[in-house]
């Protein structure tokens, strides 16, 4: 495992969380943009979890 990979993923997760918060504030919880960003965040978290569980 590259040492940097989990760090990069954590950074991407944090950026995705911030974007999700921004979208919720702007569009509300039920907007399609919010749902799509939530799915992006979920996938990043799943990827990070799978990576960590390998090692």
PDB file of N, CA and C in Angstrom:
ATOM      1  N   UNK A   1       0.854  -1.180   0.000  1.00  0.00           N
ATOM      2  CA  UNK A   1       0.000   0.000   0.000  1.00  0.00           C
ATOM      3  C   UNK A   1       0.892   1.233   0.000  1.00  0.00           C
ATOM      4  N   UNK A   2       0.562   2.145  -0.837  1.00  0.00           N
ATOM      5  CA  UNK A   2       1.268   3.423  -0.808  1.00  0.00           C
ATOM      6  C   UNK A   2       0.840   4.184   0.443  1.00  0.00           C
ATOM      7  N   UNK A   3       1.795   4.728   1.129  1.00  0.00           N
ATOM      8  CA  UNK A   3       1.499   5.456   2.363  1.00  0.00           C
ATOM      9  C   UNK A   3       0.616   6.671   2.067  1.00  0.00           C
ATOM     10  N   UNK A   4       0.808   7.263   0.909  1.00  0.00           N
ATOM     11  CA  UNK A   4       0.067   8.484   0.573  1.00  0.00           C
ATOM     12  C   UNK A   4      -1.387   8.223   0.203  1.00  0.00           C
ATOM     13  N   UNK A   5      -1.696   7.017  -0.261  1.00  0.00           N
ATOM     14  CA  UNK A   5      -3.048   6.741  -0.747  1.00  0.00           C
ATOM     15  C   UNK A   5      -4.133   6.986   0.301  1.00  0.00           C
ATOM     16  N   UNK A   6      -3.989   6.467   1.540  1.00  0.00           N
ATOM     17  CA  UNK A   6      -5.019   6.764   2.549  1.00  0.00           C
ATOM     18  C   UNK A   6      -5.111   8.263   2.865  1.00  0.00           C
ATOM     19  N   UNK A   7      -3.995   8.938   2.846  1.00  0.00           N
ATOM     20  CA  UNK A   7      -3.987  10.382   3.124  1.00  0.00           C
ATOM     21  C   UNK A   7      -4.744  11.122   2.028  1.00  0.00           C
ATOM     22  N   UNK A   8      -4.493  10.746   0.790  1.00  0.00           N
ATOM     23  CA  UNK A   8      -5.190  11.380  -0.331  1.00  0.00           C
ATOM     24  C   UNK A   8      -6.687  11.112  -0.238  1.00  0.00           C
ATOM     25  N   UNK A   9      -7.049   9.882   0.067  1.00  0.00           N
ATOM     26  CA  UNK A   9      -8.467   9.553   0.200  1.00  0.00           C
ATOM     27  C   UNK A   9      -9.120  10.324   1.340  1.00  0.00           C
ATOM     28  N   UNK A  10      -8.443  10.448   2.460  1.00  0.00           N
ATOM     29  CA  UNK A  10      -9.005  11.227   3.577  1.00  0.00           C
ATOM     30  C   UNK A  10      -9.218  12.672   3.170  1.00  0.00           C
ATOM     31  N   UNK A  11      -8.284  13.232   2.436  1.00  0.00           N
ATOM     32  CA  UNK A  11      -8.441  14.604   1.941  1.00  0.00           C
ATOM     33  C   UNK A  11      -9.632  14.713   1.002  1.00  0.00           C
ATOM     34  N   UNK A  12      -9.788  13.727   0.122  1.00  0.00           N
ATOM     35  CA  UNK A  12     -10.919  13.734  -0.797  1.00  0.00           C
ATOM     36  C   UNK A  12     -12.243  13.596  -0.043  1.00  0.00           C
ATOM     37  N   UNK A  13     -12.250  12.767   0.992  1.00  0.00           N
ATOM     38  CA  UNK A  13     -13.453  12.608   1.820  1.00  0.00           C
ATOM     39  C   UNK A  13     -13.813  13.929   2.479  1.00  0.00           C
ATOM     40  N   UNK A  14     -12.838  14.607   3.041  1.00  0.00           N
ATOM     41  CA  UNK A  14     -13.109  15.893   3.699  1.00  0.00           C
ATOM     42  C   UNK A  14     -13.617  16.921   2.697  1.00  0.00           C
ATOM     43  N   UNK A  15     -13.024  16.986   1.535  1.00  0.00           N
ATOM     44  CA  UNK A  15     -13.494  17.923   0.506  1.00  0.00           C
ATOM     45  C   UNK A  15     -14.917  17.583   0.073  1.00  0.00           C
ATOM     46  N   UNK A  16     -15.201  16.313  -0.054  1.00  0.00           N
ATOM     47  CA  UNK A  16     -16.533  15.874  -0.442  1.00  0.00           C
ATOM     48  C   UNK A  16     -17.557  16.214   0.638  1.00  0.00           C
ATOM     49  N   UNK A  17     -17.180  16.058   1.899  1.00  0.00           N
ATOM     50  CA  UNK A  17     -18.075  16.442   3.014  1.00  0.00           C
ATOM     51  C   UNK A  17     -18.379  17.937   2.986  1.00  0.00           C
ATOM     52  N   UNK A  18     -17.355  18.721   2.765  1.00  0.00           N
ATOM     53  CA  UNK A  18     -17.556  20.171   2.700  1.00  0.00           C
ATOM     54  C   UNK A  18     -18.480  20.552   1.551  1.00  0.00           C
ATOM     55  N   UNK A  19     -18.291  19.918   0.413  1.00  0.00           N
ATOM     56  CA  UNK A  19     -19.152  20.169  -0.740  1.00  0.00           C
ATOM     57  C   UNK A  19     -20.588  19.754  -0.432  1.00  0.00           C
ATOM     58  N   UNK A  20     -20.766  18.641   0.234  1.00  0.00           N
ATOM     59  CA  UNK A  20     -22.104  18.190   0.613  1.00  0.00           C
ATOM     60  C   UNK A  20     -22.778  19.201   1.538  1.00  0.00           C
ATOM     61  N   UNK A  21     -22.047  19.680   2.526  1.00  0.00           N
ATOM     62  CA  UNK A  21     -22.604  20.698   3.435  1.00  0.00           C
ATOM     63  C   UNK A  21     -23.010  21.954   2.667  1.00  0.00           C
ATOM     64  N   UNK A  22     -22.158  22.374   1.740  1.00  0.00           N
ATOM     65  CA  UNK A  22     -22.445  23.574   0.950  1.00  0.00           C
ATOM     66  C   UNK A  22     -23.715  23.380   0.117  1.00  0.00           C
ATOM     67  N   UNK A  23     -23.832  22.229  -0.490  1.00  0.00           N
ATOM     68  CA  UNK A  23     -25.007  21.947  -1.309  1.00  0.00           C
ATOM     69  C   UNK A  23     -26.282  21.890  -0.475  1.00  0.00           C
ATOM     70  N   UNK A  24     -26.202  21.294   0.712  1.00  0.00           N
ATOM     71  CA  UNK A  24     -27.369  21.239   1.599  1.00  0.00           C
ATOM     72  C   UNK A  24     -27.801  22.649   1.989  1.00  0.00           C
ATOM     73  N   UNK A  25     -26.839  23.483   2.344  1.00  0.00           N
ATOM     74  CA  UNK A  25     -27.170  24.862   2.720  1.00  0.00           C
ATOM     75  C   UNK A  25     -27.807  25.613   1.560  1.00  0.00           C
ATOM     76  N   UNK A  26     -27.340  25.376   0.367  1.00  0.00           N
ATOM     77  CA  UNK A  26     -27.812  26.110  -0.803  1.00  0.00           C
ATOM     78  C   UNK A  26     -29.131  25.566  -1.354  1.00  0.00           C
ATOM     79  N   UNK A  27     -29.280  24.221  -1.352  1.00  0.00           N
ATOM     80  CA  UNK A  27     -30.400  23.607  -2.063  1.00  0.00           C
ATOM     81  C   UNK A  27     -31.366  22.830  -1.175  1.00  0.00           C
ATOM     82  N   UNK A  28     -31.009  22.580   0.080  1.00  0.00           N
ATOM     83  CA  UNK A  28     -31.860  21.768   0.945  1.00  0.00           C
ATOM     84  C   UNK A  28     -31.502  20.285   0.825  1.00  0.00           C
ATOM     85  N   UNK A  29     -32.051  19.515   1.745  1.00  0.00           N
ATOM     86  CA  UNK A  29     -31.694  18.098   1.860  1.00  0.00           C
ATOM     87  C   UNK A  29     -32.188  17.230   0.711  1.00  0.00           C
ATOM     88  N   UNK A  30     -33.227  17.644   0.009  1.00  0.00           N
ATOM     89  CA  UNK A  30     -33.889  16.744  -0.935  1.00  0.00           C
ATOM     90  C   UNK A  30     -33.569  17.045  -2.395  1.00  0.00           C
ATOM     91  N   UNK A  31     -32.589  17.857  -2.631  1.00  0.00           N
ATOM     92  CA  UNK A  31     -32.199  18.201  -3.994  1.00  0.00           C
ATOM     93  C   UNK A  31     -31.378  17.067  -4.615  1.00  0.00           C
ATOM     94  N   UNK A  32     -31.516  16.883  -5.915  1.00  0.00           N
ATOM     95  CA  UNK A  32     -30.758  15.833  -6.608  1.00  0.00           C
ATOM     96  C   UNK A  32     -29.257  16.035  -6.495  1.00  0.00           C
ATOM     97  N   UNK A  33     -28.809  17.274  -6.479  1.00  0.00           N
ATOM     98  CA  UNK A  33     -27.366  17.554  -6.350  1.00  0.00           C
ATOM     99  C   UNK A  33     -26.831  17.030  -5.021  1.00  0.00           C
ATOM    100  N   UNK A  34     -27.645  17.171  -3.978  1.00  0.00           N
ATOM    101  CA  UNK A  34     -27.257  16.692  -2.652  1.00  0.00           C
ATOM    102  C   UNK A  34     -27.173  15.167  -2.652  1.00  0.00           C
ATOM    103  N   UNK A  35     -28.153  14.522  -3.254  1.00  0.00           N
ATOM    104  CA  UNK A  35     -28.145  13.067  -3.328  1.00  0.00           C
ATOM    105  C   UNK A  35     -26.912  12.567  -4.086  1.00  0.00           C
ATOM    106  N   UNK A  36     -26.614  13.187  -5.211  1.00  0.00           N
ATOM    107  CA  UNK A  36     -25.451  12.771  -5.996  1.00  0.00           C
ATOM    108  C   UNK A  36     -24.150  12.956  -5.219  1.00  0.00           C
ATOM    109  N   UNK A  37     -24.025  14.087  -4.527  1.00  0.00           N
ATOM    110  CA  UNK A  37     -22.807  14.330  -3.745  1.00  0.00           C
ATOM    111  C   UNK A  37     -22.714  13.359  -2.579  1.00  0.00           C
ATOM    112  N   UNK A  38     -23.840  13.033  -1.984  1.00  0.00           N
ATOM    113  CA  UNK A  38     -23.855  12.055  -0.902  1.00  0.00           C
ATOM    114  C   UNK A  38     -23.365  10.695  -1.393  1.00  0.00           C
ATOM    115  N   UNK A  39     -23.741  10.336  -2.610  1.00  0.00           N
ATOM    116  CA  UNK A  39     -23.292   9.071  -3.192  1.00  0.00           C
ATOM    117  C   UNK A  39     -21.789   9.095  -3.471  1.00  0.00           C
ATOM    118  N   UNK A  40     -21.288  10.236  -3.917  1.00  0.00           N
ATOM    119  CA  UNK A  40     -19.837  10.386  -4.132  1.00  0.00           C
ATOM    120  C   UNK A  40     -19.101  10.199  -2.806  1.00  0.00           C
ATOM    121  N   UNK A  41     -19.600  10.856  -1.769  1.00  0.00           N
ATOM    122  CA  UNK A  41     -18.984  10.743  -0.449  1.00  0.00           C
ATOM    123  C   UNK A  41     -19.030   9.305   0.052  1.00  0.00           C
ATOM    124  N   UNK A  42     -20.165   8.647  -0.090  1.00  0.00           N
ATOM    125  CA  UNK A  42     -20.283   7.249   0.333  1.00  0.00           C
ATOM    126  C   UNK A  42     -19.253   6.372  -0.363  1.00  0.00           C
ATOM    127  N   UNK A  43     -19.086   6.564  -1.651  1.00  0.00           N
ATOM    128  CA  UNK A  43     -18.135   5.744  -2.405  1.00  0.00           C
ATOM    129  C   UNK A  43     -16.701   5.992  -1.936  1.00  0.00           C
ATOM    130  N   UNK A  44     -16.359   7.238  -1.662  1.00  0.00           N
ATOM    131  CA  UNK A  44     -15.022   7.542  -1.142  1.00  0.00           C
ATOM    132  C   UNK A  44     -14.796   6.881   0.213  1.00  0.00           C
ATOM    133  N   UNK A  45     -15.797   6.945   1.076  1.00  0.00           N
ATOM    134  CA  UNK A  45     -15.682   6.322   2.401  1.00  0.00           C
ATOM    135  C   UNK A  45     -15.544   4.816   2.256  1.00  0.00           C
ATOM    136  N   UNK A  46     -16.337   4.218   1.375  1.00  0.00           N
ATOM    137  CA  UNK A  46     -16.234   2.769   1.146  1.00  0.00           C
ATOM    138  C   UNK A  46     -14.860   2.388   0.611  1.00  0.00           C
ATOM    139  N   UNK A  47     -14.356   3.170  -0.315  1.00  0.00           N
ATOM    140  CA  UNK A  47     -13.028   2.908  -0.877  1.00  0.00           C
ATOM    141  C   UNK A  47     -11.954   2.982   0.207  1.00  0.00           C
ATOM    142  N   UNK A  48     -12.055   4.007   1.046  1.00  0.00           N
ATOM    143  CA  UNK A  48     -11.100   4.171   2.148  1.00  0.00           C
ATOM    144  C   UNK A  48     -11.186   2.978   3.106  1.00  0.00           C
ATOM    145  N   UNK A  49     -12.400   2.580   3.443  1.00  0.00           N
ATOM    146  CA  UNK A  49     -12.587   1.451   4.365  1.00  0.00           C
ATOM    147  C   UNK A  49     -12.009   0.171   3.795  1.00  0.00           C
ATOM    148  N   UNK A  50     -12.270  -0.093   2.522  1.00  0.00           N
ATOM    149  CA  UNK A  50     -11.716  -1.296   1.892  1.00  0.00           C
ATOM    150  C   UNK A  50     -10.192  -1.271   1.890  1.00  0.00           C
ATOM    151  N   UNK A  51      -9.632  -0.119   1.619  1.00  0.00           N
ATOM    152  CA  UNK A  51      -8.188   0.022   1.594  1.00  0.00           C
ATOM    153  C   UNK A  51      -7.583  -0.254   2.967  1.00  0.00           C
ATOM    154  N   UNK A  52      -8.163   0.318   3.991  1.00  0.00           N
ATOM    155  CA  UNK A  52      -7.651   0.134   5.359  1.00  0.00           C
ATOM    156  C   UNK A  52      -7.813  -1.305   5.815  1.00  0.00           C
ATOM    157  N   UNK A  53      -8.947  -1.923   5.467  1.00  0.00           N
ATOM    158  CA  UNK A  53      -9.198  -3.303   5.914  1.00  0.00           C
ATOM    159  C   UNK A  53      -8.226  -4.298   5.280  1.00  0.00           C
ATOM    160  N   UNK A  54      -7.665  -3.958   4.117  1.00  0.00           N
ATOM    161  CA  UNK A  54      -6.697  -4.832   3.462  1.00  0.00           C
ATOM    162  C   UNK A  54      -5.444  -5.009   4.312  1.00  0.00           C
ATOM    163  N   UNK A  55      -5.106  -3.964   5.066  1.00  0.00           N
ATOM    164  CA  UNK A  55      -3.819  -3.947   5.755  1.00  0.00           C
ATOM    165  C   UNK A  55      -3.961  -3.853   7.212  1.00  0.00           C
TER     166      UNK A  55
END
